[in-house]
Amino acid sequence: MQIHSVPTRPIPGQKPGTSGLRKKTRVFMEHHFLENYVQSIFDGIGGIAGRTLVLGGDGRYFNDRAAQVILRMAAANGATRVIVGQDAILSTPAASHLIRSRGTDGGLILSASHNPGGPEADFGLKYNTPNGGPAPEAVTDRIHAASLAISEYRMLDAQDVDLSRPGRTRLGSMDIEIVDPVADYAALMERLFDFDAIRDLFRSGFRMVFDAMHAVTGPYAREILERRLGAAEGTVLNGRPLPDFGGGHPDPNPIWARGLVERMMADDAPDFGAASDGDGDRNMIVGRGLYVTPSDSLALLAAQAHRAPAYRAGLRGVARSMPTSGAVDRVAEALGMPCYETPTGWKFFGNLLDAGRVTLCGEESAGTGSDHVREKDGLWAVLLWLNILADTRRSVRDLMEEHWSRFGRNYYSRHDYEDIPTDRANALYEGLRAALPSLPGRTVRSLRVSAADEFAYDDPVDGSRSERQGLRIVFEGGARMVVRLSGTGTEGATLRVYLEVLETDPARLRLDPADVLAPLAQAAEEIAQIRRHTGREAPDVIT
């Protein structure tokens, strides 16, 4: 087997975002594109000679081919070993767990998360560091710098590796260990949760449905929910992972998982419904007749986590991304524990988790997790909910209404305007940014602005500062709007507008969120001039 140094030149657009590099699948398939980026990762982290890596992905289109390229390049660059999921499959939280449990030098995860898959859809690749979490900005900056200076990449001349069965093999001088993608993760979940109590819950007649959305969590959910916990066969819907996610959009929210929500709103609905996304790191929770927002789910889990064995001693602290509602803040204050507000992006939780400052963290975009890994973890969140339901024997609605009565309710919604021409999105954002100093004291649609700023974050662990992390406008009485441009899309820009109203009046805790938030939505339109800048009459997605 011969190692080749292949001449190349920098390719524009290889700057990783908050979750690695995401592009259209056909862009990744272009000549040299994947190879350039993989070599830039290896060079940006100081080389991989003598190192061990984890490799796997969510099974979307091009996952299998990209994995073979990465294996040949890893061997050519001198890696000692690659631990790869069977058929190149690993959920993102399972990959994080393998990185941590095996003490590797990091891992490469092939995924575009909740984005659609297929030859005309999206693909992604990110490097996770030895702590199991997404690379921080200092590392992604070095990767980007390497992509701008690249002149060659290294490739081993070899046939494809058979990844269809667990076992060991070699590629050149590099060891390859092919592992069951589910086994280690399932064993971790058994250590964290009271599986006996959850089994008893299912034996009592408790019914649930889990929509795997034809994504990576299908095999994980079948093994854990149906085989180990005894949920009825057929509990897991759309459990077969498909390269195009069955033509669907693997984003667990009421829009893309509409079928699950409709089933949970029916008169004969199961007791509990849940879903996860493309790579298994997000979750959606639905009770009978009640959709639970990700912000409310995070707050409920923080308040009730002590019911699971892993968290029985209590939480050291909690953290949330800035756009996430303040519901968990109220729990933290009542329970006397720290609460941290970070920028969007799971990598910002890493330092807090590693330093032991927090145990639980979450984002409004359906991501929740704990210190068991350094990624958000969709199935973990579902199991924690099940543990709480098993311990309390209360319904989801009863638990949430009791929670709101104790802590108040943060009515909350996110409005997404997708695929906006980048120049228009930037014009809106910069115009609003420039107007921030003039907003306090202004009354818009009966709402008086009390404060307006641009969020910046000073990491309490390493002292690093992250600026320009979103625009915040706060109104008297506790209402808030946040405006951000998202980095998870692959075309144009996605404008996200977050709306939040705090309500503590017991008589107003069970209202329709859309009615409560309507005046704030009108004020947001007037302040940000969304229609004028985007030409859109309404958001593409409301969650």
Protein backbone atom coordinates (compact mmCIF):
# COMPACT_ATOMS: atom_id res chain seq x y z
CA MET A 1 0.00 0.00 0.00
CA GLN A 2 1.47 3.30 -1.09
CA ILE A 3 0.99 6.75 0.46
CA HIS A 4 0.48 9.58 -2.00
CA SER A 5 0.87 13.30 -1.44
CA VAL A 6 -1.81 14.78 -3.67
CA PRO A 7 -1.26 18.40 -4.79
CA THR A 8 -4.20 20.69 -4.11
CA ARG A 9 -5.03 24.32 -3.45
CA PRO A 10 -7.29 26.08 -0.92
CA ILE A 11 -11.02 25.84 -1.58
CA PRO A 12 -13.15 28.79 -0.41
CA GLY A 13 -15.87 28.19 2.15
CA GLN A 14 -14.15 25.74 4.49
CA LYS A 15 -14.62 27.76 7.66
CA PRO A 16 -16.27 25.54 10.31
CA GLY A 17 -19.19 26.93 12.27
CA THR A 18 -20.59 26.12 15.70
CA SER A 19 -21.07 22.47 14.66
CA GLY A 20 -18.33 21.89 12.15
CA LEU A 21 -18.62 22.39 8.40
CA ARG A 22 -22.01 21.97 6.70
CA LYS A 23 -22.56 22.25 2.99
CA LYS A 24 -24.73 20.77 0.29
CA THR A 25 -23.89 17.11 -0.19
CA ARG A 26 -22.77 17.68 -3.76
CA VAL A 27 -20.30 20.31 -2.55
CA PHE A 28 -18.68 17.76 -0.24
CA MET A 29 -18.57 15.35 -3.20
CA GLU A 30 -16.69 17.81 -5.43
CA HIS A 31 -13.10 17.06 -6.40
CA HIS A 32 -10.73 17.57 -3.44
CA PHE A 33 -13.37 19.22 -1.20
CA LEU A 34 -13.71 16.51 1.46
CA GLU A 35 -10.02 15.62 1.26
CA ASN A 36 -8.93 19.24 1.69
CA TYR A 37 -11.11 19.68 4.75
CA VAL A 38 -10.05 16.41 6.39
CA GLN A 39 -6.37 17.26 5.89
CA SER A 40 -7.05 20.73 7.31
CA ILE A 41 -8.55 19.14 10.42
CA PHE A 42 -5.53 16.89 10.84
CA ASP A 43 -3.10 19.78 10.30
CA GLY A 44 -5.15 22.19 12.42
CA ILE A 45 -4.97 19.91 15.48
CA GLY A 46 -1.22 19.44 15.16
CA GLY A 47 -1.22 16.22 13.16
CA ILE A 48 -2.50 12.76 14.03
CA ALA A 49 0.68 10.68 13.91
CA GLY A 50 0.55 8.18 16.76
CA ARG A 51 -2.98 9.21 17.74
CA THR A 52 -6.28 7.35 18.13
CA LEU A 53 -9.53 8.73 16.73
CA VAL A 54 -13.21 7.80 16.77
CA LEU A 55 -15.14 7.89 13.48
CA GLY A 56 -18.83 7.56 12.71
CA GLY A 57 -21.87 9.40 11.47
CA ASP A 58 -25.63 9.50 11.17
CA GLY A 59 -25.87 7.36 8.03
CA ARG A 60 -27.02 10.11 5.70
CA TYR A 61 -26.18 9.97 1.99
CA PHE A 62 -22.38 9.99 1.39
CA ASN A 63 -21.68 8.90 5.00
CA ASP A 64 -20.26 5.55 3.86
CA ARG A 65 -18.04 6.96 1.11
CA ALA A 66 -16.72 9.80 3.27
CA ALA A 67 -15.82 7.35 6.04
CA GLN A 68 -13.65 5.31 3.65
CA VAL A 69 -11.83 8.46 2.49
CA ILE A 70 -11.20 9.50 6.08
CA LEU A 71 -9.85 6.07 7.01
CA ARG A 72 -7.37 6.10 4.11
CA MET A 73 -6.29 9.63 4.97
CA ALA A 74 -5.93 8.80 8.67
CA ALA A 75 -3.68 5.87 7.78
CA ALA A 76 -1.64 8.05 5.43
CA ASN A 77 -1.22 10.67 8.15
CA GLY A 78 0.16 8.17 10.64
CA ALA A 79 -2.77 7.52 12.99
CA THR A 80 -2.24 4.53 15.26
CA ARG A 81 -5.89 3.47 15.50
CA VAL A 82 -9.38 4.48 14.42
CA ILE A 83 -12.40 3.20 16.36
CA VAL A 84 -15.27 3.24 13.89
CA GLY A 85 -18.92 2.39 14.28
CA GLN A 86 -20.25 -0.61 12.38
CA ASP A 87 -21.22 0.53 8.85
CA ALA A 88 -19.67 3.89 9.83
CA ILE A 89 -22.69 4.60 12.07
CA LEU A 90 -22.51 6.39 15.44
CA SER A 91 -24.97 8.82 16.95
CA THR A 92 -23.31 12.05 18.02
CA PRO A 93 -23.76 11.38 21.78
CA ALA A 94 -22.53 7.79 21.31
CA ALA A 95 -19.43 9.12 19.53
CA SER A 96 -18.83 11.57 22.38
CA HIS A 97 -19.11 8.73 24.89
CA LEU A 98 -16.64 6.57 22.94
CA ILE A 99 -14.12 9.42 22.74
CA ARG A 100 -14.34 9.88 26.50
CA SER A 101 -14.56 6.25 27.62
CA ARG A 102 -11.69 5.11 25.37
CA GLY A 103 -9.52 8.15 26.12
CA THR A 104 -8.95 8.89 22.44
CA ASP A 105 -7.48 12.00 20.84
CA GLY A 106 -10.86 13.10 19.57
CA GLY A 107 -13.13 12.04 16.75
CA LEU A 108 -14.64 12.92 13.41
CA ILE A 109 -18.44 12.93 13.22
CA LEU A 110 -20.15 12.79 9.82
CA SER A 111 -23.44 14.63 10.21
CA ALA A 112 -25.43 17.71 9.37
CA SER A 113 -27.54 17.09 12.48
CA HIS A 114 -31.21 17.94 11.90
CA ASN A 115 -30.73 19.06 8.28
CA PRO A 116 -32.24 16.93 5.48
CA GLY A 117 -30.11 14.23 3.83
CA GLY A 118 -29.68 13.02 0.27
CA PRO A 119 -27.69 13.89 -2.85
CA GLU A 120 -29.50 17.21 -3.19
CA ALA A 121 -29.62 17.93 0.55
CA ASP A 122 -26.99 18.49 3.23
CA PHE A 123 -23.84 16.92 4.61
CA GLY A 124 -21.46 17.86 7.39
CA LEU A 125 -18.25 16.95 9.18
CA LYS A 126 -16.97 18.11 12.55
CA TYR A 127 -14.04 17.37 14.81
CA ASN A 128 -14.68 16.69 18.49
CA THR A 129 -11.83 17.15 20.94
CA PRO A 130 -10.55 14.61 23.52
CA ASN A 131 -13.17 15.76 26.05
CA GLY A 132 -15.81 14.45 23.64
CA GLY A 133 -17.22 17.87 22.79
CA PRO A 134 -17.27 20.04 19.65
CA ALA A 135 -14.02 21.85 18.95
CA PRO A 136 -13.88 25.31 20.56
CA GLU A 137 -13.28 28.44 18.49
CA ALA A 138 -9.52 28.39 19.03
CA VAL A 139 -9.37 24.94 17.39
CA THR A 140 -11.80 25.68 14.56
CA ASP A 141 -9.83 28.86 13.82
CA ARG A 142 -6.67 26.76 13.38
CA ILE A 143 -8.55 24.33 11.13
CA HIS A 144 -9.78 27.22 9.00
CA ALA A 145 -6.27 28.68 8.84
CA ALA A 146 -4.95 25.30 7.67
CA SER A 147 -7.62 25.19 4.94
CA LEU A 148 -6.37 28.54 3.62
CA ALA A 149 -2.75 27.37 3.43
CA ILE A 150 -3.17 23.78 2.22
CA SER A 151 -1.03 22.68 -0.73
CA GLU A 152 -1.37 18.87 -0.51
CA TYR A 153 -3.18 16.10 1.28
CA ARG A 154 -2.02 12.60 2.12
CA MET A 155 -3.88 9.52 0.92
CA LEU A 156 -3.22 5.78 1.24
CA ASP A 157 -3.73 3.77 -1.92
CA ALA A 158 -5.99 0.98 -0.62
CA GLN A 159 -9.31 -0.80 -1.09
CA ASP A 160 -12.35 -0.06 1.04
CA VAL A 161 -12.41 -1.50 4.54
CA ASP A 162 -15.26 -3.92 5.34
CA LEU A 163 -17.14 -2.13 8.13
CA SER A 164 -20.15 -4.46 8.14
CA ARG A 165 -19.12 -6.57 11.17
CA PRO A 166 -17.59 -5.70 14.56
CA GLY A 167 -13.98 -6.78 14.85
CA ARG A 168 -10.44 -5.65 14.16
CA THR A 169 -8.51 -5.15 10.95
CA ARG A 170 -5.62 -3.12 9.62
CA LEU A 171 -5.23 -0.50 6.94
CA GLY A 172 -1.58 -0.08 6.11
CA SER A 173 0.10 0.27 9.51
CA MET A 174 -3.08 1.58 11.21
CA ASP A 175 -5.35 -0.54 13.41
CA ILE A 176 -9.10 -0.29 12.83
CA GLU A 177 -11.53 -1.40 15.52
CA ILE A 178 -15.11 -1.75 14.31
CA VAL A 179 -17.57 -1.55 17.19
CA ASP A 180 -21.28 -2.11 17.74
CA PRO A 181 -22.55 1.50 17.63
CA VAL A 182 -25.25 0.89 20.24
CA ALA A 183 -23.75 -1.37 22.92
CA ASP A 184 -21.51 1.02 24.88
CA TYR A 185 -24.09 3.79 24.80
CA ALA A 186 -26.90 1.52 25.99
CA ALA A 187 -24.73 0.30 28.87
CA LEU A 188 -24.09 3.93 29.87
CA MET A 189 -27.82 4.65 29.94
CA GLU A 190 -28.37 1.64 32.24
CA ARG A 191 -25.87 3.13 34.69
CA LEU A 192 -27.56 6.54 34.68
CA PHE A 193 -31.23 5.58 35.02
CA ASP A 194 -33.44 3.25 37.03
CA PHE A 195 -34.29 0.74 34.32
CA ASP A 196 -36.21 -1.46 36.79
CA ALA A 197 -38.58 1.41 37.61
CA ILE A 198 -39.10 2.22 33.94
CA ARG A 199 -39.78 -1.46 33.16
CA ASP A 200 -42.42 -1.45 35.90
CA LEU A 201 -43.96 1.65 34.32
CA PHE A 202 -44.34 -0.14 30.99
CA ARG A 203 -45.71 -3.26 32.70
CA SER A 204 -48.41 -1.09 34.29
CA GLY A 205 -49.90 -0.37 30.86
CA PHE A 206 -48.04 2.87 30.18
CA ARG A 207 -47.88 3.56 26.44
CA MET A 208 -45.43 5.68 24.48
CA VAL A 209 -44.34 6.34 20.92
CA PHE A 210 -40.86 7.37 19.82
CA ASP A 211 -40.39 8.79 16.32
CA ALA A 212 -36.82 8.06 15.17
CA MET A 213 -37.56 9.95 11.92
CA HIS A 214 -35.68 7.33 9.86
CA ALA A 215 -32.51 8.68 11.46
CA VAL A 216 -29.67 7.30 13.54
CA THR A 217 -31.54 6.77 16.84
CA GLY A 218 -33.77 4.03 15.42
CA PRO A 219 -31.43 1.15 16.42
CA TYR A 220 -30.63 2.82 19.75
CA ALA A 221 -34.29 3.32 20.64
CA ARG A 222 -35.28 -0.21 19.63
CA GLU A 223 -32.51 -1.73 21.72
CA ILE A 224 -33.12 0.41 24.80
CA LEU A 225 -36.87 1.07 24.78
CA GLU A 226 -38.25 -2.13 23.29
CA ARG A 227 -35.64 -4.76 24.19
CA ARG A 228 -34.13 -3.60 27.49
CA LEU A 229 -37.08 -1.68 28.95
CA GLY A 230 -39.91 -3.79 27.64
CA ALA A 231 -41.88 -1.18 25.72
CA ALA A 232 -44.31 -2.77 23.27
CA GLU A 233 -43.00 -3.76 19.87
CA GLY A 234 -43.84 -0.91 17.51
CA THR A 235 -43.20 1.77 20.14
CA VAL A 236 -40.38 3.02 17.90
CA LEU A 237 -41.74 4.57 14.71
CA ASN A 238 -39.68 5.14 11.56
CA GLY A 239 -36.90 3.18 13.20
CA ARG A 240 -34.95 2.18 10.09
CA PRO A 241 -32.18 4.72 9.32
CA LEU A 242 -32.28 5.82 5.66
CA PRO A 243 -29.74 7.91 3.69
CA ASP A 244 -32.41 10.52 2.92
CA PHE A 245 -34.33 10.07 6.20
CA GLY A 246 -37.24 8.71 4.19
CA GLY A 247 -37.55 11.99 2.34
CA GLY A 248 -38.35 13.78 5.60
CA HIS A 249 -36.72 16.54 7.57
CA PRO A 250 -35.17 14.94 10.69
CA ASP A 251 -35.77 17.90 12.97
CA PRO A 252 -37.88 17.00 16.04
CA ASN A 253 -40.34 19.86 16.26
CA PRO A 254 -44.11 20.22 15.80
CA ILE A 255 -43.66 21.10 12.12
CA TRP A 256 -41.45 18.25 10.90
CA ALA A 257 -42.76 15.67 13.39
CA ARG A 258 -46.37 16.67 12.77
CA GLY A 259 -47.60 13.10 12.62
CA LEU A 260 -46.35 12.39 16.13
CA VAL A 261 -47.90 15.58 17.50
CA GLU A 262 -51.26 14.82 15.87
CA ARG A 263 -51.21 11.34 17.36
CA MET A 264 -50.46 12.77 20.82
CA MET A 265 -53.35 15.25 20.52
CA ALA A 266 -55.91 12.54 19.69
CA ASP A 267 -58.47 11.28 22.20
CA ASP A 268 -56.81 7.85 22.34
CA ALA A 269 -53.27 9.23 22.52
CA PRO A 270 -50.49 7.28 24.27
CA ASP A 271 -49.22 8.58 27.61
CA PHE A 272 -45.92 9.87 26.26
CA GLY A 273 -44.44 10.83 22.91
CA ALA A 274 -40.90 11.72 21.91
CA ALA A 275 -38.70 12.14 18.87
CA SER A 276 -35.05 12.62 18.01
CA ASP A 277 -33.17 14.09 15.07
CA GLY A 278 -30.75 13.07 12.32
CA ASP A 279 -27.71 12.37 14.49
CA GLY A 280 -29.48 11.69 17.78
CA ASP A 281 -28.54 14.76 19.78
CA ARG A 282 -31.91 16.55 19.87
CA ASN A 283 -35.26 15.63 21.38
CA MET A 284 -38.92 16.58 21.36
CA ILE A 285 -41.25 15.77 24.26
CA VAL A 286 -45.03 15.54 23.91
CA GLY A 287 -47.52 14.52 26.55
CA ARG A 288 -51.10 13.52 25.93
CA GLY A 289 -52.62 16.73 24.61
CA LEU A 290 -49.54 18.85 25.46
CA TYR A 291 -46.42 19.81 23.49
CA VAL A 292 -43.56 20.62 25.88
CA THR A 293 -41.23 23.34 24.62
CA PRO A 294 -37.51 22.53 24.84
CA SER A 295 -37.07 25.40 27.32
CA ASP A 296 -39.81 24.01 29.57
CA SER A 297 -38.41 20.51 29.23
CA LEU A 298 -34.97 21.70 30.39
CA ALA A 299 -36.53 23.45 33.39
CA LEU A 300 -38.63 20.43 34.37
CA LEU A 301 -35.65 18.10 34.08
CA ALA A 302 -33.57 20.43 36.25
CA ALA A 303 -36.27 20.46 38.91
CA GLN A 304 -36.88 16.69 38.84
CA ALA A 305 -33.48 15.20 37.92
CA HIS A 306 -32.96 13.92 41.47
CA ARG A 307 -35.43 11.12 40.68
CA ALA A 308 -32.81 9.39 38.49
CA PRO A 309 -29.94 7.53 40.20
CA ALA A 310 -27.19 9.48 38.45
CA TYR A 311 -28.52 12.81 39.75
CA ARG A 312 -29.91 11.77 43.12
CA ALA A 313 -27.30 13.82 44.99
CA GLY A 314 -28.45 16.97 43.21
CA LEU A 315 -27.07 19.14 40.44
CA ARG A 316 -23.94 21.24 40.73
CA GLY A 317 -25.44 23.85 38.45
CA VAL A 318 -27.26 24.38 35.16
CA ALA A 319 -26.52 26.26 31.97
CA ARG A 320 -28.60 27.42 29.03
CA SER A 321 -27.92 29.19 25.76
CA MET A 322 -28.86 32.86 25.75
CA PRO A 323 -31.92 32.50 23.43
CA THR A 324 -33.35 29.73 25.61
CA SER A 325 -36.11 30.93 27.92
CA GLY A 326 -35.36 31.87 31.50
CA ALA A 327 -37.52 29.02 32.87
CA VAL A 328 -34.49 27.07 34.10
CA ASP A 329 -33.11 30.23 35.76
CA ARG A 330 -36.13 30.28 38.04
CA VAL A 331 -35.57 26.64 38.98
CA ALA A 332 -31.90 27.29 39.72
CA GLU A 333 -32.73 30.29 41.90
CA ALA A 334 -35.34 28.35 43.87
CA LEU A 335 -33.00 25.40 44.39
CA GLY A 336 -30.00 27.56 45.25
CA MET A 337 -27.67 26.47 42.45
CA PRO A 338 -25.68 28.42 39.84
CA CYS A 339 -27.16 29.09 36.40
CA TYR A 340 -24.97 30.14 33.46
CA GLU A 341 -26.07 31.88 30.27
CA THR A 342 -23.86 31.06 27.27
CA PRO A 343 -23.86 31.74 23.54
CA THR A 344 -25.59 29.27 21.23
CA GLY A 345 -23.43 26.24 20.47
CA TRP A 346 -22.82 23.19 22.63
CA LYS A 347 -19.09 23.84 22.69
CA PHE A 348 -19.70 26.72 25.11
CA PHE A 349 -20.99 24.27 27.72
CA GLY A 350 -17.83 22.17 27.54
CA ASN A 351 -15.67 24.26 29.86
CA LEU A 352 -18.44 24.49 32.46
CA LEU A 353 -18.98 20.72 32.38
CA ASP A 354 -15.27 19.91 32.48
CA ALA A 355 -14.76 22.28 35.40
CA GLY A 356 -17.61 20.65 37.34
CA ARG A 357 -19.63 23.86 37.51
CA VAL A 358 -22.77 22.42 35.91
CA THR A 359 -24.44 19.04 35.59
CA LEU A 360 -27.33 19.84 33.24
CA CYS A 361 -27.45 22.12 30.22
CA GLY A 362 -29.70 22.83 27.29
CA GLU A 363 -30.66 24.91 24.29
CA GLU A 364 -34.02 26.03 22.98
CA SER A 365 -33.31 24.21 19.71
CA ALA A 366 -34.31 20.87 21.29
CA GLY A 367 -30.89 20.07 22.73
CA THR A 368 -30.54 18.84 26.31
CA GLY A 369 -27.70 16.99 28.02
CA SER A 370 -25.66 16.42 31.14
CA ASP A 371 -22.10 15.72 32.19
CA HIS A 372 -22.29 12.07 31.01
CA VAL A 373 -21.04 13.20 27.56
CA ARG A 374 -20.03 16.53 26.01
CA GLU A 375 -22.83 16.69 23.46
CA LYS A 376 -26.55 17.14 23.70
CA ASP A 377 -28.27 13.78 23.84
CA GLY A 378 -31.80 13.18 22.59
CA LEU A 379 -32.40 9.65 23.85
CA TRP A 380 -30.85 10.50 27.24
CA ALA A 381 -33.44 13.29 27.66
CA VAL A 382 -36.25 10.87 26.80
CA LEU A 383 -34.97 8.36 29.36
CA LEU A 384 -34.72 11.02 32.06
CA TRP A 385 -38.34 11.95 31.37
CA LEU A 386 -39.30 8.28 31.59
CA ASN A 387 -37.44 7.92 34.89
CA ILE A 388 -39.34 10.92 36.29
CA LEU A 389 -42.66 9.57 35.03
CA ALA A 390 -41.88 6.16 36.54
CA ASP A 391 -40.99 7.66 39.91
CA THR A 392 -43.91 10.10 40.17
CA ARG A 393 -46.60 8.13 38.28
CA ARG A 394 -47.91 11.51 37.12
CA SER A 395 -48.82 12.51 33.58
CA VAL A 396 -46.73 14.92 31.52
CA ARG A 397 -49.50 17.52 31.76
CA ASP A 398 -49.79 17.16 35.54
CA LEU A 399 -46.03 17.53 35.94
CA MET A 400 -45.87 20.63 33.74
CA GLU A 401 -48.88 22.33 35.35
CA GLU A 402 -47.48 21.67 38.80
CA HIS A 403 -44.13 23.07 37.60
CA TRP A 404 -45.73 26.25 36.27
CA SER A 405 -47.66 26.74 39.49
CA ARG A 406 -44.44 26.58 41.48
CA PHE A 407 -42.03 28.47 39.20
CA GLY A 408 -44.21 30.49 36.83
CA ARG A 409 -44.55 29.92 33.10
CA ASN A 410 -42.26 31.32 30.40
CA TYR A 411 -44.45 31.41 27.30
CA TYR A 412 -42.00 30.96 24.45
CA SER A 413 -41.72 30.57 20.68
CA ARG A 414 -39.08 30.70 17.94
CA HIS A 415 -39.80 32.11 14.49
CA ASP A 416 -37.45 30.99 11.71
CA TYR A 417 -37.06 32.81 8.40
CA GLU A 418 -35.03 30.42 6.27
CA ASP A 419 -32.83 30.82 3.18
CA ILE A 420 -32.82 34.60 3.27
CA PRO A 421 -30.28 36.19 0.89
CA THR A 422 -27.26 36.84 3.06
CA ASP A 423 -27.03 40.53 2.22
CA ARG A 424 -30.65 41.10 3.27
CA ALA A 425 -30.22 39.17 6.52
CA ASN A 426 -27.07 41.10 7.35
CA ALA A 427 -28.79 44.40 6.59
CA LEU A 428 -31.62 43.57 8.99
CA TYR A 429 -29.24 42.47 11.72
CA GLU A 430 -26.86 45.41 11.39
CA GLY A 431 -29.73 47.90 11.20
CA LEU A 432 -31.23 46.55 14.42
CA ARG A 433 -27.81 46.43 16.03
CA ALA A 434 -27.26 50.09 15.26
CA ALA A 435 -30.68 50.96 16.70
CA LEU A 436 -30.13 49.26 20.07
CA PRO A 437 -29.01 52.40 21.98
CA SER A 438 -32.18 54.25 20.95
CA LEU A 439 -34.64 51.53 21.98
CA PRO A 440 -34.78 51.78 25.82
CA GLY A 441 -37.75 53.92 26.81
CA ARG A 442 -39.53 53.41 23.49
CA THR A 443 -43.09 51.96 23.54
CA VAL A 444 -44.00 49.57 20.74
CA ARG A 445 -47.48 48.00 20.57
CA SER A 446 -48.10 48.85 24.24
CA LEU A 447 -44.78 47.23 25.25
CA ARG A 448 -42.17 49.54 26.75
CA VAL A 449 -38.51 48.64 26.11
CA SER A 450 -36.46 48.58 29.32
CA ALA A 451 -33.10 47.38 27.95
CA ALA A 452 -31.43 46.45 24.66
CA ASP A 453 -27.95 45.07 24.03
CA GLU A 454 -25.79 42.69 22.05
CA PHE A 455 -24.88 39.59 24.01
CA ALA A 456 -21.21 38.88 24.72
CA TYR A 457 -19.90 36.02 26.84
CA ASP A 458 -16.89 35.91 29.13
CA ASP A 459 -16.07 32.27 29.85
CA PRO A 460 -15.73 31.94 33.64
CA VAL A 461 -13.32 29.02 33.27
CA ASP A 462 -10.72 30.12 30.72
CA GLY A 463 -11.47 33.84 30.48
CA SER A 464 -12.09 33.80 26.72
CA ARG A 465 -14.57 36.31 25.32
CA SER A 466 -17.13 35.68 22.56
CA GLU A 467 -18.79 38.76 21.11
CA ARG A 468 -21.67 39.44 18.73
CA GLN A 469 -23.73 36.50 20.00
CA GLY A 470 -27.22 37.86 19.40
CA LEU A 471 -29.36 40.94 19.99
CA ARG A 472 -31.53 41.15 23.12
CA ILE A 473 -34.46 43.49 23.70
CA VAL A 474 -36.17 43.33 27.08
CA PHE A 475 -39.55 44.89 27.90
CA GLU A 476 -41.03 46.03 31.18
CA GLY A 477 -42.85 43.15 32.87
CA GLY A 478 -40.39 40.46 31.75
CA ALA A 479 -41.11 40.03 28.04
CA ARG A 480 -38.06 39.53 25.80
CA MET A 481 -37.18 39.21 22.13
CA VAL A 482 -33.88 37.91 20.77
CA VAL A 483 -32.63 38.11 17.19
CA ARG A 484 -29.86 35.92 15.78
CA LEU A 485 -28.52 34.74 12.46
CA SER A 486 -28.09 30.97 12.60
CA GLY A 487 -25.05 29.08 11.35
CA THR A 488 -26.67 25.66 10.88
CA GLY A 489 -28.02 26.09 7.36
CA THR A 490 -26.21 25.49 4.07
CA GLU A 491 -27.81 28.15 1.85
CA GLY A 492 -28.34 31.85 2.47
CA ALA A 493 -29.01 32.80 6.07
CA THR A 494 -31.58 31.78 8.65
CA LEU A 495 -32.99 34.57 10.79
CA ARG A 496 -34.23 33.39 14.17
CA VAL A 497 -36.49 35.55 16.30
CA TYR A 498 -37.16 34.31 19.83
CA LEU A 499 -40.17 35.54 21.81
CA GLU A 500 -40.69 35.12 25.54
CA VAL A 501 -43.26 36.34 28.06
CA LEU A 502 -43.03 35.48 31.77
CA GLU A 503 -46.34 34.85 33.52
CA THR A 504 -46.72 34.22 37.26
CA ASP A 505 -50.46 34.90 37.67
CA PRO A 506 -52.02 31.50 38.57
CA ALA A 507 -55.06 32.38 36.48
CA ARG A 508 -52.93 32.86 33.34
CA LEU A 509 -50.76 29.74 33.32
CA ARG A 510 -52.85 27.64 30.91
CA LEU A 511 -53.41 30.03 28.02
CA ASP A 512 -52.67 29.46 24.33
CA PRO A 513 -49.00 30.48 23.85
CA ALA A 514 -49.77 31.99 20.44
CA ASP A 515 -52.33 34.36 22.00
CA VAL A 516 -49.98 35.39 24.81
CA LEU A 517 -47.09 36.00 22.42
CA ALA A 518 -49.05 37.77 19.64
CA PRO A 519 -48.44 41.35 20.90
CA LEU A 520 -44.74 40.63 21.28
CA ALA A 521 -44.57 39.15 17.78
CA GLN A 522 -46.13 42.32 16.40
CA ALA A 523 -43.65 44.45 18.33
CA ALA A 524 -40.76 42.35 17.02
CA GLU A 525 -41.89 42.90 13.43
CA GLU A 526 -42.12 46.65 13.97
CA ILE A 527 -38.76 46.95 15.74
CA ALA A 528 -36.75 44.70 13.40
CA GLN A 529 -38.65 45.54 10.18
CA ILE A 530 -38.56 41.90 9.18
CA ARG A 531 -41.06 42.14 6.33
CA ARG A 532 -39.29 45.12 4.76
CA HIS A 533 -35.87 43.46 4.85
CA THR A 534 -36.83 39.90 3.92
CA GLY A 535 -40.01 40.25 1.89
CA ARG A 536 -41.54 37.52 4.05
CA GLU A 537 -45.09 37.88 5.33
CA ALA A 538 -44.60 35.18 7.96
CA PRO A 539 -41.94 32.84 9.33
CA ASP A 540 -41.19 29.61 7.48
CA VAL A 541 -41.24 27.63 10.72
CA ILE A 542 -42.71 28.44 14.15
CA THR A 543 -41.76 26.23 17.08
